[in-house]
Amino acid sequence: MKRADLEHIIRAASAIAEADDIVILGSQAILGAVPDAAEELLTSQEADIYPLGDPAKSDLIDGTIGELSPFHETFGYYAHGVGPETATLPNGWRTRSVIVCGPGTGNARGHCLAPVDLAVSKLLAGREKDVAFVKAMLRHRLVSPSDLRTVAGELPFERSSLLLRRLEDVGGVDLPGSCT
C-alpha cells in the first residue's frame, strides 16, 4: 500500500461512515509518520480502521470497502473495519497520533498510530508477522527500544511486563552502524 492508497481509504471510509475522523490501527498506520516507508513495511493490502466518534460503523465500512468487495477488486487494497479493542495501546496514544488530512482524504482526518504506539500494539499482539514488522521498524530506526520502554509505563503492569519481555526477544536486531 502507498500513502495515496491510505488517503483514498480514509476518504471512502469517511464518506461511508459520515465521520470526519478515522483511526488507523494496523501496520499501514506507518504511512502517517513515514509516507515513503520501506517496501518491507508496506506489504499489507489492508488498513485496519474505525470511525473515532462511532466505532460501530466499522461494520458498514468493512461491508462496503472491505476484503473481496468491488472496492478491493478495483484498487487492490481495502479497509478492514475494526474496533478500538483491536489493539492494545498505551494511554497517551491519541496525543501522539499522526494526522493525515488534505485533498487526498477529502479533508477527513486519518488518525494514524505514531510509530512507537504501532510497535507497542504489534509487540503485544505477538504474532510472527507483527514481531517481524517491529524488527523492520527497529532496523529502519523508526522506533527505538528506549522509546518502547518509555511508553511501557503507560500500560497496565501485566501488559507492560509482556511488552518488555517481547522487546527483549527482538533485542537481537542488528542495527545498521551498530557495534557488535
Foldseek 3Di string as FASTA:
>chain_A
DALLVVLLLLQVLCVQLVALEKEWQALVLVCLVPRPDDPVSVPAQETEMAGPVDLVCLVSQCVDFNPPHVVCVVPVHGYRRDGPVLFDFFPCQQVVFRWDADVSNVRRTYGRGQPLRSLLRLQLVPDPSSLVSNLSCVQVVSDHPVSNLVSLVRHPPVSSVSSVVSCVVSVVRDHPPDDD
